[in-house]
Amino acid sequence: METAERDALEQNTEERYKKAVDAYNHLEEREKIAAVRDEFRALGDYKQAKTYMQKCERFLDFQVGGTVVFGNYKGEDLTWKVLAKEGRRFLLLSEKAIDHIPFHFERSEATWSNCSLRTWLNRQFMEEAFTLQERMSILLIHHQNNTDPRWDNNNGADTKDKAFVFNLKELDEYLPDKEDRAIGDWWWLRGHGCSNTNQQAVYADGTVYADGVGSHHDDVGVRAAMWVNVR
């Protein structure tokens, strides 16, 4: 191959590569990301084309209504339901209870803002279940901790969390059907029931126990939720 022809080919490859990288950084639609993935695949070993192809494939793994594997806890991969998408941000809810622990370890009043479950989710669980790179992709989200009007109990201050459990409002928004809530296990919500020592929960069959379960019970499951930025 002549030098001029080789230089032209190299320039064309570089232009294709730059265009694909720029598209990857700015696109959010699955169909277009799939097309960019195919372009990186065609570029083969050129620069970081393989790495970007894998990033595209990882983005395509996150499909609303589907499931995705993200993190590992106690030696088992964590599987999540993908419930919503905002740009490159996806809302994940663990497919099953990740563990069974009290909402609050002490037999005392606690709101989501100061309960031991919130501390555990955002410290111990985060450190154990996710790599540093995975933790960096989990977003710190502002949460409103609304009080259920049926009970005259304060649900506490708003919080900023990476991992959290749903309240009734989020449950109704993202899992409106009883069948979608049922996992054959109880799981915590983050709103008070009829007293400040009771927390609302979801029954094994998907119905909501609005009166609440004693927050110290250690046989109720934790279905973690989080927003993840996929880049």
C-alpha atoms as a PDB file:
ATOM      1  CA  MET A   1       0.000   0.000   0.000  1.00  0.00           C
ATOM      2  CA  GLU A   2       1.304   3.422  -0.965  1.00  0.00           C
ATOM      3  CA  THR A   3       2.135   5.860   1.830  1.00  0.00           C
ATOM      4  CA  ALA A   4      -0.531   8.341   0.721  1.00  0.00           C
ATOM      5  CA  GLU A   5      -3.149   5.604   0.573  1.00  0.00           C
ATOM      6  CA  ARG A   6      -2.122   4.303   4.007  1.00  0.00           C
ATOM      7  CA  ASP A   7      -2.278   7.810   5.472  1.00  0.00           C
ATOM      8  CA  ALA A   8      -5.737   8.361   4.005  1.00  0.00           C
ATOM      9  CA  LEU A   9      -6.944   5.076   5.485  1.00  0.00           C
ATOM     10  CA  GLU A  10      -5.516   5.981   8.882  1.00  0.00           C
ATOM     11  CA  GLN A  11      -7.167   9.398   8.747  1.00  0.00           C
ATOM     12  CA  ASN A  12     -10.511   7.847   7.800  1.00  0.00           C
ATOM     13  CA  THR A  13     -10.260   5.332  10.658  1.00  0.00           C
ATOM     14  CA  GLU A  14      -9.395   8.088  13.115  1.00  0.00           C
ATOM     15  CA  GLU A  15     -12.345  10.186  11.963  1.00  0.00           C
ATOM     16  CA  ARG A  16     -14.699   7.210  12.335  1.00  0.00           C
ATOM     17  CA  TYR A  17     -13.322   6.514  15.792  1.00  0.00           C
ATOM     18  CA  LYS A  18     -13.710  10.129  16.976  1.00  0.00           C
ATOM     19  CA  LYS A  19     -17.237  10.296  15.568  1.00  0.00           C
ATOM     20  CA  ALA A  20     -18.196   7.068  17.338  1.00  0.00           C
ATOM     21  CA  VAL A  21     -16.710   8.241  20.667  1.00  0.00           C
ATOM     22  CA  ASP A  22     -18.576  11.549  20.404  1.00  0.00           C
ATOM     23  CA  ALA A  23     -21.809   9.719  19.603  1.00  0.00           C
ATOM     24  CA  TYR A  24     -21.358   7.370  22.558  1.00  0.00           C
ATOM     25  CA  ASN A  25     -20.844  10.326  24.926  1.00  0.00           C
ATOM     26  CA  HIS A  26     -24.019  12.081  23.801  1.00  0.00           C
ATOM     27  CA  LEU A  27     -26.528   9.422  22.842  1.00  0.00           C
ATOM     28  CA  GLU A  28     -29.192   7.949  25.134  1.00  0.00           C
ATOM     29  CA  GLU A  29     -31.448   5.966  22.782  1.00  0.00           C
ATOM     30  CA  ARG A  30     -30.907   2.212  22.704  1.00  0.00           C
ATOM     31  CA  GLU A  31     -31.168   1.932  18.914  1.00  0.00           C
ATOM     32  CA  LYS A  32     -28.500   4.560  18.299  1.00  0.00           C
ATOM     33  CA  ILE A  33     -26.221   3.136  20.991  1.00  0.00           C
ATOM     34  CA  ALA A  34     -26.532  -0.255  19.265  1.00  0.00           C
ATOM     35  CA  ALA A  35     -25.437   1.338  15.984  1.00  0.00           C
ATOM     36  CA  VAL A  36     -22.437   2.959  17.691  1.00  0.00           C
ATOM     37  CA  ARG A  37     -21.544  -0.415  19.250  1.00  0.00           C
ATOM     38  CA  ASP A  38     -21.489  -1.932  15.775  1.00  0.00           C
ATOM     39  CA  GLU A  39     -19.192   0.839  14.573  1.00  0.00           C
ATOM     40  CA  PHE A  40     -16.752   0.209  17.415  1.00  0.00           C
ATOM     41  CA  ARG A  41     -16.889  -3.518  16.625  1.00  0.00           C
ATOM     42  CA  ALA A  42     -16.000  -2.754  13.009  1.00  0.00           C
ATOM     43  CA  LEU A  43     -13.025  -0.672  14.179  1.00  0.00           C
ATOM     44  CA  GLY A  44     -11.593  -3.794  15.819  1.00  0.00           C
ATOM     45  CA  ASP A  45      -8.389  -3.206  17.781  1.00  0.00           C
ATOM     46  CA  TYR A  46      -8.109   0.484  16.906  1.00  0.00           C
ATOM     47  CA  LYS A  47      -7.279   2.490  20.046  1.00  0.00           C
ATOM     48  CA  GLN A  48      -9.978   1.847  22.710  1.00  0.00           C
ATOM     49  CA  ALA A  49     -12.648   0.625  20.293  1.00  0.00           C
ATOM     50  CA  LYS A  50     -13.086  -2.691  22.135  1.00  0.00           C
ATOM     51  CA  THR A  51     -13.505  -0.901  25.482  1.00  0.00           C
ATOM     52  CA  TYR A  52     -16.161   1.398  24.038  1.00  0.00           C
ATOM     53  CA  MET A  53     -17.907  -1.551  22.415  1.00  0.00           C
ATOM     54  CA  GLN A  54     -18.130  -3.209  25.853  1.00  0.00           C
ATOM     55  CA  LYS A  55     -19.472   0.035  27.349  1.00  0.00           C
ATOM     56  CA  CYS A  56     -22.177   0.126  24.693  1.00  0.00           C
ATOM     57  CA  GLU A  57     -23.102  -3.477  25.395  1.00  0.00           C
ATOM     58  CA  ARG A  58     -23.282  -2.740  29.118  1.00  0.00           C
ATOM     59  CA  PHE A  59     -25.628   0.192  28.460  1.00  0.00           C
ATOM     60  CA  LEU A  60     -27.810  -2.089  26.335  1.00  0.00           C
ATOM     61  CA  ASP A  61     -28.029  -4.540  29.252  1.00  0.00           C
ATOM     62  CA  PHE A  62     -30.066  -1.909  31.132  1.00  0.00           C
ATOM     63  CA  GLN A  63     -33.536  -2.178  29.612  1.00  0.00           C
ATOM     64  CA  VAL A  64     -36.652  -0.913  31.398  1.00  0.00           C
ATOM     65  CA  GLY A  65     -38.816  -3.888  32.254  1.00  0.00           C
ATOM     66  CA  GLY A  66     -35.861  -6.260  32.208  1.00  0.00           C
ATOM     67  CA  THR A  67     -33.269  -7.368  34.736  1.00  0.00           C
ATOM     68  CA  VAL A  68     -29.562  -6.705  35.076  1.00  0.00           C
ATOM     69  CA  VAL A  69     -26.749  -8.129  37.187  1.00  0.00           C
ATOM     70  CA  PHE A  70     -24.949  -5.472  39.209  1.00  0.00           C
ATOM     71  CA  GLY A  71     -22.758  -6.110  42.249  1.00  0.00           C
ATOM     72  CA  ASN A  72     -22.199  -9.205  44.363  1.00  0.00           C
ATOM     73  CA  TYR A  73     -23.287  -9.818  47.953  1.00  0.00           C
ATOM     74  CA  LYS A  74     -22.253 -12.744  50.142  1.00  0.00           C
ATOM     75  CA  GLY A  75     -20.817 -14.526  47.140  1.00  0.00           C
ATOM     76  CA  GLU A  76     -23.924 -14.187  44.966  1.00  0.00           C
ATOM     77  CA  ASP A  77     -24.467 -11.869  42.017  1.00  0.00           C
ATOM     78  CA  LEU A  78     -27.166  -9.289  42.647  1.00  0.00           C
ATOM     79  CA  THR A  79     -29.994  -9.214  40.116  1.00  0.00           C
ATOM     80  CA  TRP A  80     -32.051  -6.042  39.758  1.00  0.00           C
ATOM     81  CA  LYS A  81     -35.299  -5.064  38.055  1.00  0.00           C
ATOM     82  CA  VAL A  82     -34.855  -2.003  35.821  1.00  0.00           C
ATOM     83  CA  LEU A  83     -37.887   0.161  36.619  1.00  0.00           C
ATOM     84  CA  ALA A  84     -37.227   3.541  34.992  1.00  0.00           C
ATOM     85  CA  LYS A  85     -34.825   5.463  32.761  1.00  0.00           C
ATOM     86  CA  GLU A  86     -33.887   9.150  32.732  1.00  0.00           C
ATOM     87  CA  GLY A  87     -31.238   9.773  30.110  1.00  0.00           C
ATOM     88  CA  ARG A  88     -28.388   7.487  31.139  1.00  0.00           C
ATOM     89  CA  ARG A  89     -29.747   7.050  34.670  1.00  0.00           C
ATOM     90  CA  PHE A  90     -31.629   3.887  35.539  1.00  0.00           C
ATOM     91  CA  LEU A  91     -33.688   3.051  38.615  1.00  0.00           C
ATOM     92  CA  LEU A  92     -32.900  -0.428  39.953  1.00  0.00           C
ATOM     93  CA  LEU A  93     -34.799  -2.482  42.531  1.00  0.00           C
ATOM     94  CA  SER A  94     -33.354  -5.743  43.822  1.00  0.00           C
ATOM     95  CA  GLU A  95     -35.273  -8.666  42.360  1.00  0.00           C
ATOM     96  CA  LYS A  96     -35.495 -10.293  45.783  1.00  0.00           C
ATOM     97  CA  ALA A  97     -34.612  -9.380  49.348  1.00  0.00           C
ATOM     98  CA  ILE A  98     -30.863  -8.890  49.591  1.00  0.00           C
ATOM     99  CA  ASP A  99     -30.932  -9.694  53.306  1.00  0.00           C
ATOM    100  CA  HIS A 100     -33.203  -9.789  56.352  1.00  0.00           C
ATOM    101  CA  ILE A 101     -32.391  -7.201  59.004  1.00  0.00           C
ATOM    102  CA  PRO A 102     -34.384  -4.866  61.272  1.00  0.00           C
ATOM    103  CA  PHE A 103     -35.447  -1.449  60.108  1.00  0.00           C
ATOM    104  CA  HIS A 104     -33.901  -0.272  63.378  1.00  0.00           C
ATOM    105  CA  PHE A 105     -31.802  -2.468  65.652  1.00  0.00           C
ATOM    106  CA  GLU A 106     -33.031  -0.847  68.856  1.00  0.00           C
ATOM    107  CA  ARG A 107     -36.564  -1.033  70.242  1.00  0.00           C
ATOM    108  CA  SER A 108     -37.028   2.712  69.952  1.00  0.00           C
ATOM    109  CA  GLU A 109     -38.620   5.268  67.654  1.00  0.00           C
ATOM    110  CA  ALA A 110     -36.699   5.907  64.450  1.00  0.00           C
ATOM    111  CA  THR A 111     -37.368   7.586  61.127  1.00  0.00           C
ATOM    112  CA  TRP A 112     -35.673   6.716  57.841  1.00  0.00           C
ATOM    113  CA  SER A 113     -33.202   9.562  58.380  1.00  0.00           C
ATOM    114  CA  ASN A 114     -31.768   8.029  61.563  1.00  0.00           C
ATOM    115  CA  CYS A 115     -32.568   4.324  61.334  1.00  0.00           C
ATOM    116  CA  SER A 116     -29.928   1.611  61.326  1.00  0.00           C
ATOM    117  CA  LEU A 117     -31.193   0.154  58.005  1.00  0.00           C
ATOM    118  CA  ARG A 118     -30.329   3.357  56.159  1.00  0.00           C
ATOM    119  CA  THR A 119     -26.849   3.361  57.709  1.00  0.00           C
ATOM    120  CA  TRP A 120     -26.307  -0.282  56.815  1.00  0.00           C
ATOM    121  CA  LEU A 121     -27.436   0.146  53.196  1.00  0.00           C
ATOM    122  CA  ASN A 122     -25.252   3.175  52.534  1.00  0.00           C
ATOM    123  CA  ARG A 123     -22.146   1.955  54.361  1.00  0.00           C
ATOM    124  CA  GLN A 124     -21.668  -1.764  54.992  1.00  0.00           C
ATOM    125  CA  PHE A 125     -23.773  -2.972  52.070  1.00  0.00           C
ATOM    126  CA  MET A 126     -22.223  -0.467  49.673  1.00  0.00           C
ATOM    127  CA  GLU A 127     -18.697  -1.469  50.652  1.00  0.00           C
ATOM    128  CA  GLU A 128     -19.359  -5.198  50.533  1.00  0.00           C
ATOM    129  CA  ALA A 129     -21.532  -5.474  47.432  1.00  0.00           C
ATOM    130  CA  PHE A 130     -19.905  -3.098  44.938  1.00  0.00           C
ATOM    131  CA  THR A 131     -16.482  -2.331  43.534  1.00  0.00           C
ATOM    132  CA  LEU A 132     -15.162   1.222  43.698  1.00  0.00           C
ATOM    133  CA  GLN A 133     -16.060   1.744  40.043  1.00  0.00           C
ATOM    134  CA  GLU A 134     -19.588   0.451  40.640  1.00  0.00           C
ATOM    135  CA  ARG A 135     -20.033   2.658  43.701  1.00  0.00           C
ATOM    136  CA  MET A 136     -18.975   5.682  41.663  1.00  0.00           C
ATOM    137  CA  SER A 137     -21.824   4.997  39.220  1.00  0.00           C
ATOM    138  CA  ILE A 138     -24.476   4.880  41.972  1.00  0.00           C
ATOM    139  CA  LEU A 139     -26.049   8.317  42.329  1.00  0.00           C
ATOM    140  CA  LEU A 140     -26.680  10.253  45.533  1.00  0.00           C
ATOM    141  CA  ILE A 141     -30.388  11.093  45.331  1.00  0.00           C
ATOM    142  CA  HIS A 142     -32.556  13.483  47.360  1.00  0.00           C
ATOM    143  CA  HIS A 143     -35.521  11.694  48.921  1.00  0.00           C
ATOM    144  CA  GLN A 144     -38.696  13.138  50.355  1.00  0.00           C
ATOM    145  CA  ASN A 145     -39.891  11.160  53.356  1.00  0.00           C
ATOM    146  CA  ASN A 146     -43.578  11.976  53.239  1.00  0.00           C
ATOM    147  CA  THR A 147     -45.887  11.159  56.128  1.00  0.00           C
ATOM    148  CA  ASP A 148     -48.806   8.813  55.464  1.00  0.00           C
ATOM    149  CA  PRO A 149     -51.934  10.956  56.122  1.00  0.00           C
ATOM    150  CA  ARG A 150     -53.640   7.955  57.733  1.00  0.00           C
ATOM    151  CA  TRP A 151     -51.295   8.212  60.694  1.00  0.00           C
ATOM    152  CA  ASP A 152     -50.237  11.242  62.688  1.00  0.00           C
ATOM    153  CA  ASN A 153     -46.579  10.191  62.703  1.00  0.00           C
ATOM    154  CA  ASN A 154     -43.656  12.176  61.373  1.00  0.00           C
ATOM    155  CA  ASN A 155     -41.523  10.279  58.862  1.00  0.00           C
ATOM    156  CA  GLY A 156     -38.549  12.530  59.488  1.00  0.00           C
ATOM    157  CA  ALA A 157     -36.398  14.884  57.460  1.00  0.00           C
ATOM    158  CA  ASP A 158     -35.635  14.533  53.771  1.00  0.00           C
ATOM    159  CA  THR A 159     -32.453  12.597  53.067  1.00  0.00           C
ATOM    160  CA  LYS A 160     -29.781  12.037  50.419  1.00  0.00           C
ATOM    161  CA  ASP A 161     -29.024   8.386  49.819  1.00  0.00           C
ATOM    162  CA  LYS A 162     -27.369   6.102  47.329  1.00  0.00           C
ATOM    163  CA  ALA A 163     -29.275   3.001  48.438  1.00  0.00           C
ATOM    164  CA  PHE A 164     -32.785   3.199  49.880  1.00  0.00           C
ATOM    165  CA  VAL A 165     -36.070   1.339  50.255  1.00  0.00           C
ATOM    166  CA  PHE A 166     -39.290   2.532  48.656  1.00  0.00           C
ATOM    167  CA  ASN A 167     -41.997   4.515  50.384  1.00  0.00           C
ATOM    168  CA  LEU A 168     -45.679   4.109  49.468  1.00  0.00           C
ATOM    169  CA  LYS A 169     -45.570   6.853  46.859  1.00  0.00           C
ATOM    170  CA  GLU A 170     -42.651   5.239  45.007  1.00  0.00           C
ATOM    171  CA  LEU A 171     -44.215   1.806  45.379  1.00  0.00           C
ATOM    172  CA  ASP A 172     -47.423   3.009  43.736  1.00  0.00           C
ATOM    173  CA  GLU A 173     -45.484   4.798  40.991  1.00  0.00           C
ATOM    174  CA  TYR A 174     -43.086   2.041  40.000  1.00  0.00           C
ATOM    175  CA  LEU A 175     -44.891  -1.132  41.127  1.00  0.00           C
ATOM    176  CA  PRO A 176     -48.604  -0.312  40.935  1.00  0.00           C
ATOM    177  CA  ASP A 177     -49.685  -3.940  40.561  1.00  0.00           C
ATOM    178  CA  LYS A 178     -49.801  -6.305  43.504  1.00  0.00           C
ATOM    179  CA  GLU A 179     -48.385  -9.129  41.389  1.00  0.00           C
ATOM    180  CA  ASP A 180     -45.232  -7.115  40.642  1.00  0.00           C
ATOM    181  CA  ARG A 181     -44.656  -6.495  44.356  1.00  0.00           C
ATOM    182  CA  ALA A 182     -44.932 -10.136  45.402  1.00  0.00           C
ATOM    183  CA  ILE A 183     -41.634 -11.953  45.962  1.00  0.00           C
ATOM    184  CA  GLY A 184     -42.824 -14.594  48.428  1.00  0.00           C
ATOM    185  CA  ASP A 185     -41.219 -12.626  51.248  1.00  0.00           C
ATOM    186  CA  TRP A 186     -41.951  -9.606  53.405  1.00  0.00           C
ATOM    187  CA  TRP A 187     -39.984  -6.440  52.656  1.00  0.00           C
ATOM    188  CA  TRP A 188     -39.632  -3.054  54.305  1.00  0.00           C
ATOM    189  CA  LEU A 189     -40.975   0.306  53.178  1.00  0.00           C
ATOM    190  CA  ARG A 190     -39.588   3.499  54.657  1.00  0.00           C
ATOM    191  CA  GLY A 191     -42.824   5.005  56.009  1.00  0.00           C
ATOM    192  CA  HIS A 192     -44.251   4.723  59.514  1.00  0.00           C
ATOM    193  CA  GLY A 193     -47.301   2.633  60.243  1.00  0.00           C
ATOM    194  CA  CYS A 194     -49.731   3.308  63.081  1.00  0.00           C
ATOM    195  CA  SER A 195     -46.932   4.190  65.517  1.00  0.00           C
ATOM    196  CA  ASN A 196     -43.379   5.519  65.437  1.00  0.00           C
ATOM    197  CA  THR A 197     -42.023   2.055  66.221  1.00  0.00           C
ATOM    198  CA  ASN A 198     -43.871   0.381  63.341  1.00  0.00           C
ATOM    199  CA  GLN A 199     -42.728   0.484  59.719  1.00  0.00           C
ATOM    200  CA  GLN A 200     -44.912  -0.223  56.734  1.00  0.00           C
ATOM    201  CA  ALA A 201     -44.050  -3.319  54.746  1.00  0.00           C
ATOM    202  CA  VAL A 202     -45.122  -5.379  51.749  1.00  0.00           C
ATOM    203  CA  TYR A 203     -46.610  -8.823  52.374  1.00  0.00           C
ATOM    204  CA  ALA A 204     -45.251 -11.909  50.641  1.00  0.00           C
ATOM    205  CA  ASP A 205     -48.267 -11.780  48.284  1.00  0.00           C
ATOM    206  CA  GLY A 206     -47.641  -8.138  47.332  1.00  0.00           C
ATOM    207  CA  THR A 207     -50.260  -6.398  49.475  1.00  0.00           C
ATOM    208  CA  VAL A 208     -49.204  -3.503  51.705  1.00  0.00           C
ATOM    209  CA  TYR A 209     -49.333  -3.766  55.474  1.00  0.00           C
ATOM    210  CA  ALA A 210     -50.159  -0.122  56.220  1.00  0.00           C
ATOM    211  CA  ASP A 211     -50.383  -0.550  60.012  1.00  0.00           C
ATOM    212  CA  GLY A 212     -46.739  -1.537  60.016  1.00  0.00           C
ATOM    213  CA  VAL A 213     -44.432  -4.143  61.521  1.00  0.00           C
ATOM    214  CA  GLY A 214     -42.340  -3.608  64.634  1.00  0.00           C
ATOM    215  CA  SER A 215     -39.199  -1.953  63.303  1.00  0.00           C
ATOM    216  CA  HIS A 216     -36.956  -4.224  65.413  1.00  0.00           C
ATOM    217  CA  HIS A 217     -38.076  -7.433  63.646  1.00  0.00           C
ATOM    218  CA  ASP A 218     -35.182  -9.179  61.923  1.00  0.00           C
ATOM    219  CA  ASP A 219     -37.186 -11.470  59.612  1.00  0.00           C
ATOM    220  CA  VAL A 220     -38.366  -8.760  57.178  1.00  0.00           C
ATOM    221  CA  GLY A 221     -36.515  -8.524  53.874  1.00  0.00           C
ATOM    222  CA  VAL A 222     -34.674  -5.561  52.376  1.00  0.00           C
ATOM    223  CA  ARG A 223     -35.337  -4.786  48.714  1.00  0.00           C
ATOM    224  CA  ALA A 224     -32.736  -2.171  47.950  1.00  0.00           C
ATOM    225  CA  ALA A 225     -33.302   0.510  45.313  1.00  0.00           C
ATOM    226  CA  MET A 226     -30.805   2.845  43.659  1.00  0.00           C
ATOM    227  CA  TRP A 227     -30.269   5.094  40.656  1.00  0.00           C
ATOM    228  CA  VAL A 228     -27.265   4.134  38.531  1.00  0.00           C
ATOM    229  CA  ASN A 229     -25.549   6.254  35.905  1.00  0.00           C
ATOM    230  CA  VAL A 230     -24.418   4.001  33.033  1.00  0.00           C
ATOM    231  CA  ARG A 231     -21.384   5.401  31.208  1.00  0.00           C
END
